Amino acid sequence: MERFMPLYDERVELAPRDVVARSIDDQLKKCNEKYVLLDISHNPREKILSLFPNIASECLKYGLDITRQPIPVVLATHYMY
């Protein structure tokens, strides 16, 4: 799957969360995919590990190094209590 946010909003990945979520949903439906790939590997390894230590650790359990590989992402609903 190619980078798709430029098709939806001029702010691309910096668009508001709801815009990004709707764009992901639309893209998944159009392409009949189960997930999109989030690639943060362009950032320095140290920065990724300091900002996302828990995600990095959990992904490594499944053989995924988020400092070098894209992360499969699905939509989720978050509720605040």
C-alpha atoms as a PDB file:
ATOM      1  CA  MET A   1       0.000   0.000   0.000  1.00  0.00           C
ATOM      2  CA  GLU A   2       1.313   3.413  -0.951  1.00  0.00           C
ATOM      3  CA  ARG A   3       1.179   6.610   1.102  1.00  0.00           C
ATOM      4  CA  PHE A   4      -2.438   7.747   0.834  1.00  0.00           C
ATOM      5  CA  MET A   5      -3.003  10.727   3.139  1.00  0.00           C
ATOM      6  CA  PRO A   6      -2.100  13.270   0.409  1.00  0.00           C
ATOM      7  CA  LEU A   7      -5.262  12.093  -1.374  1.00  0.00           C
ATOM      8  CA  TYR A   8      -7.431  13.089   1.599  1.00  0.00           C
ATOM      9  CA  ASP A   9      -6.015  16.202   3.270  1.00  0.00           C
ATOM     10  CA  GLU A  10      -3.322  18.781   2.508  1.00  0.00           C
ATOM     11  CA  ARG A  11      -2.037  18.414   6.088  1.00  0.00           C
ATOM     12  CA  VAL A  12      -1.349  14.751   5.285  1.00  0.00           C
ATOM     13  CA  GLU A  13      -0.301  12.798   8.398  1.00  0.00           C
ATOM     14  CA  LEU A  14      -0.628  15.949  10.531  1.00  0.00           C
ATOM     15  CA  ALA A  15      -4.352  16.194   9.829  1.00  0.00           C
ATOM     16  CA  PRO A  16      -6.654  15.911  12.864  1.00  0.00           C
ATOM     17  CA  ARG A  17      -7.117  12.419  14.278  1.00  0.00           C
ATOM     18  CA  ASP A  18     -10.682  12.067  13.039  1.00  0.00           C
ATOM     19  CA  VAL A  19      -9.648  12.961   9.482  1.00  0.00           C
ATOM     20  CA  VAL A  20      -6.795  10.447   9.547  1.00  0.00           C
ATOM     21  CA  ALA A  21      -9.077   7.750  11.008  1.00  0.00           C
ATOM     22  CA  ARG A  22     -11.756   8.277   8.353  1.00  0.00           C
ATOM     23  CA  SER A  23      -9.091   8.266   5.653  1.00  0.00           C
ATOM     24  CA  ILE A  24      -7.652   4.994   6.939  1.00  0.00           C
ATOM     25  CA  ASP A  25     -11.133   3.464   7.056  1.00  0.00           C
ATOM     26  CA  ASP A  26     -11.870   4.605   3.514  1.00  0.00           C
ATOM     27  CA  GLN A  27      -8.537   3.303   2.243  1.00  0.00           C
ATOM     28  CA  LEU A  28      -8.993  -0.096   3.913  1.00  0.00           C
ATOM     29  CA  LYS A  29     -12.416  -0.470   2.321  1.00  0.00           C
ATOM     30  CA  LYS A  30     -11.255   0.659  -1.136  1.00  0.00           C
ATOM     31  CA  CYS A  31      -8.266  -1.674  -1.146  1.00  0.00           C
ATOM     32  CA  ASN A  32      -9.940  -4.535   0.755  1.00  0.00           C
ATOM     33  CA  GLU A  33      -7.056  -4.586   3.237  1.00  0.00           C
ATOM     34  CA  LYS A  34      -7.028  -5.561   6.920  1.00  0.00           C
ATOM     35  CA  TYR A  35      -4.489  -2.948   8.035  1.00  0.00           C
ATOM     36  CA  VAL A  36      -2.360  -0.018   6.927  1.00  0.00           C
ATOM     37  CA  LEU A  37       1.360   0.285   7.565  1.00  0.00           C
ATOM     38  CA  LEU A  38       2.727   3.042   9.800  1.00  0.00           C
ATOM     39  CA  ASP A  39       6.377   3.696   8.981  1.00  0.00           C
ATOM     40  CA  ILE A  40       8.361   5.692  11.534  1.00  0.00           C
ATOM     41  CA  SER A  41      11.743   4.232  10.535  1.00  0.00           C
ATOM     42  CA  HIS A  42      12.886   7.574   9.073  1.00  0.00           C
ATOM     43  CA  ASN A  43      13.345   8.795  12.673  1.00  0.00           C
ATOM     44  CA  PRO A  44      16.544   8.086  14.632  1.00  0.00           C
ATOM     45  CA  ARG A  45      16.456   4.759  16.491  1.00  0.00           C
ATOM     46  CA  GLU A  46      17.100   6.443  19.867  1.00  0.00           C
ATOM     47  CA  LYS A  47      14.190   8.836  19.373  1.00  0.00           C
ATOM     48  CA  ILE A  48      11.760   6.027  18.486  1.00  0.00           C
ATOM     49  CA  LEU A  49      12.822   3.933  21.477  1.00  0.00           C
ATOM     50  CA  SER A  50      12.569   6.867  23.889  1.00  0.00           C
ATOM     51  CA  LEU A  51       9.126   7.962  22.625  1.00  0.00           C
ATOM     52  CA  PHE A  52       7.603   4.497  22.162  1.00  0.00           C
ATOM     53  CA  PRO A  53       9.383   2.054  24.515  1.00  0.00           C
ATOM     54  CA  ASN A  54       6.299  -0.074  25.247  1.00  0.00           C
ATOM     55  CA  ILE A  55       5.213  -0.347  21.615  1.00  0.00           C
ATOM     56  CA  ALA A  56       8.783  -1.175  20.556  1.00  0.00           C
ATOM     57  CA  SER A  57       9.063  -3.858  23.229  1.00  0.00           C
ATOM     58  CA  GLU A  58       5.702  -5.437  22.412  1.00  0.00           C
ATOM     59  CA  CYS A  59       6.405  -5.452  18.674  1.00  0.00           C
ATOM     60  CA  LEU A  60       9.802  -7.098  19.240  1.00  0.00           C
ATOM     61  CA  LYS A  61       7.977 -10.027  20.880  1.00  0.00           C
ATOM     62  CA  TYR A  62       6.476 -10.652  17.432  1.00  0.00           C
ATOM     63  CA  GLY A  63       9.748 -10.137  15.570  1.00  0.00           C
ATOM     64  CA  LEU A  64       8.948  -6.606  14.435  1.00  0.00           C
ATOM     65  CA  ASP A  65      11.605  -3.912  14.881  1.00  0.00           C
ATOM     66  CA  ILE A  66       9.688  -0.632  14.621  1.00  0.00           C
ATOM     67  CA  THR A  67      12.948   1.284  14.182  1.00  0.00           C
ATOM     68  CA  ARG A  68      13.452  -0.499  10.844  1.00  0.00           C
ATOM     69  CA  GLN A  69      10.070  -1.903   9.783  1.00  0.00           C
ATOM     70  CA  PRO A  70       6.563  -0.462   9.297  1.00  0.00           C
ATOM     71  CA  ILE A  71       3.913  -1.262  11.911  1.00  0.00           C
ATOM     72  CA  PRO A  72       0.599  -2.855  10.868  1.00  0.00           C
ATOM     73  CA  VAL A  73      -2.177  -0.581  12.172  1.00  0.00           C
ATOM     74  CA  VAL A  74      -5.938  -1.063  12.458  1.00  0.00           C
ATOM     75  CA  LEU A  75      -8.625   1.345  13.602  1.00  0.00           C
ATOM     76  CA  ALA A  76      -9.752   1.243  17.214  1.00  0.00           C
ATOM     77  CA  THR A  77     -12.253   3.108  19.334  1.00  0.00           C
ATOM     78  CA  HIS A  78     -10.997   4.866  22.442  1.00  0.00           C
ATOM     79  CA  TYR A  79     -13.336   5.734  25.278  1.00  0.00           C
ATOM     80  CA  MET A  80     -12.525   8.176  28.041  1.00  0.00           C
ATOM     81  CA  TYR A  81     -14.103   7.703  31.438  1.00  0.00           C
END
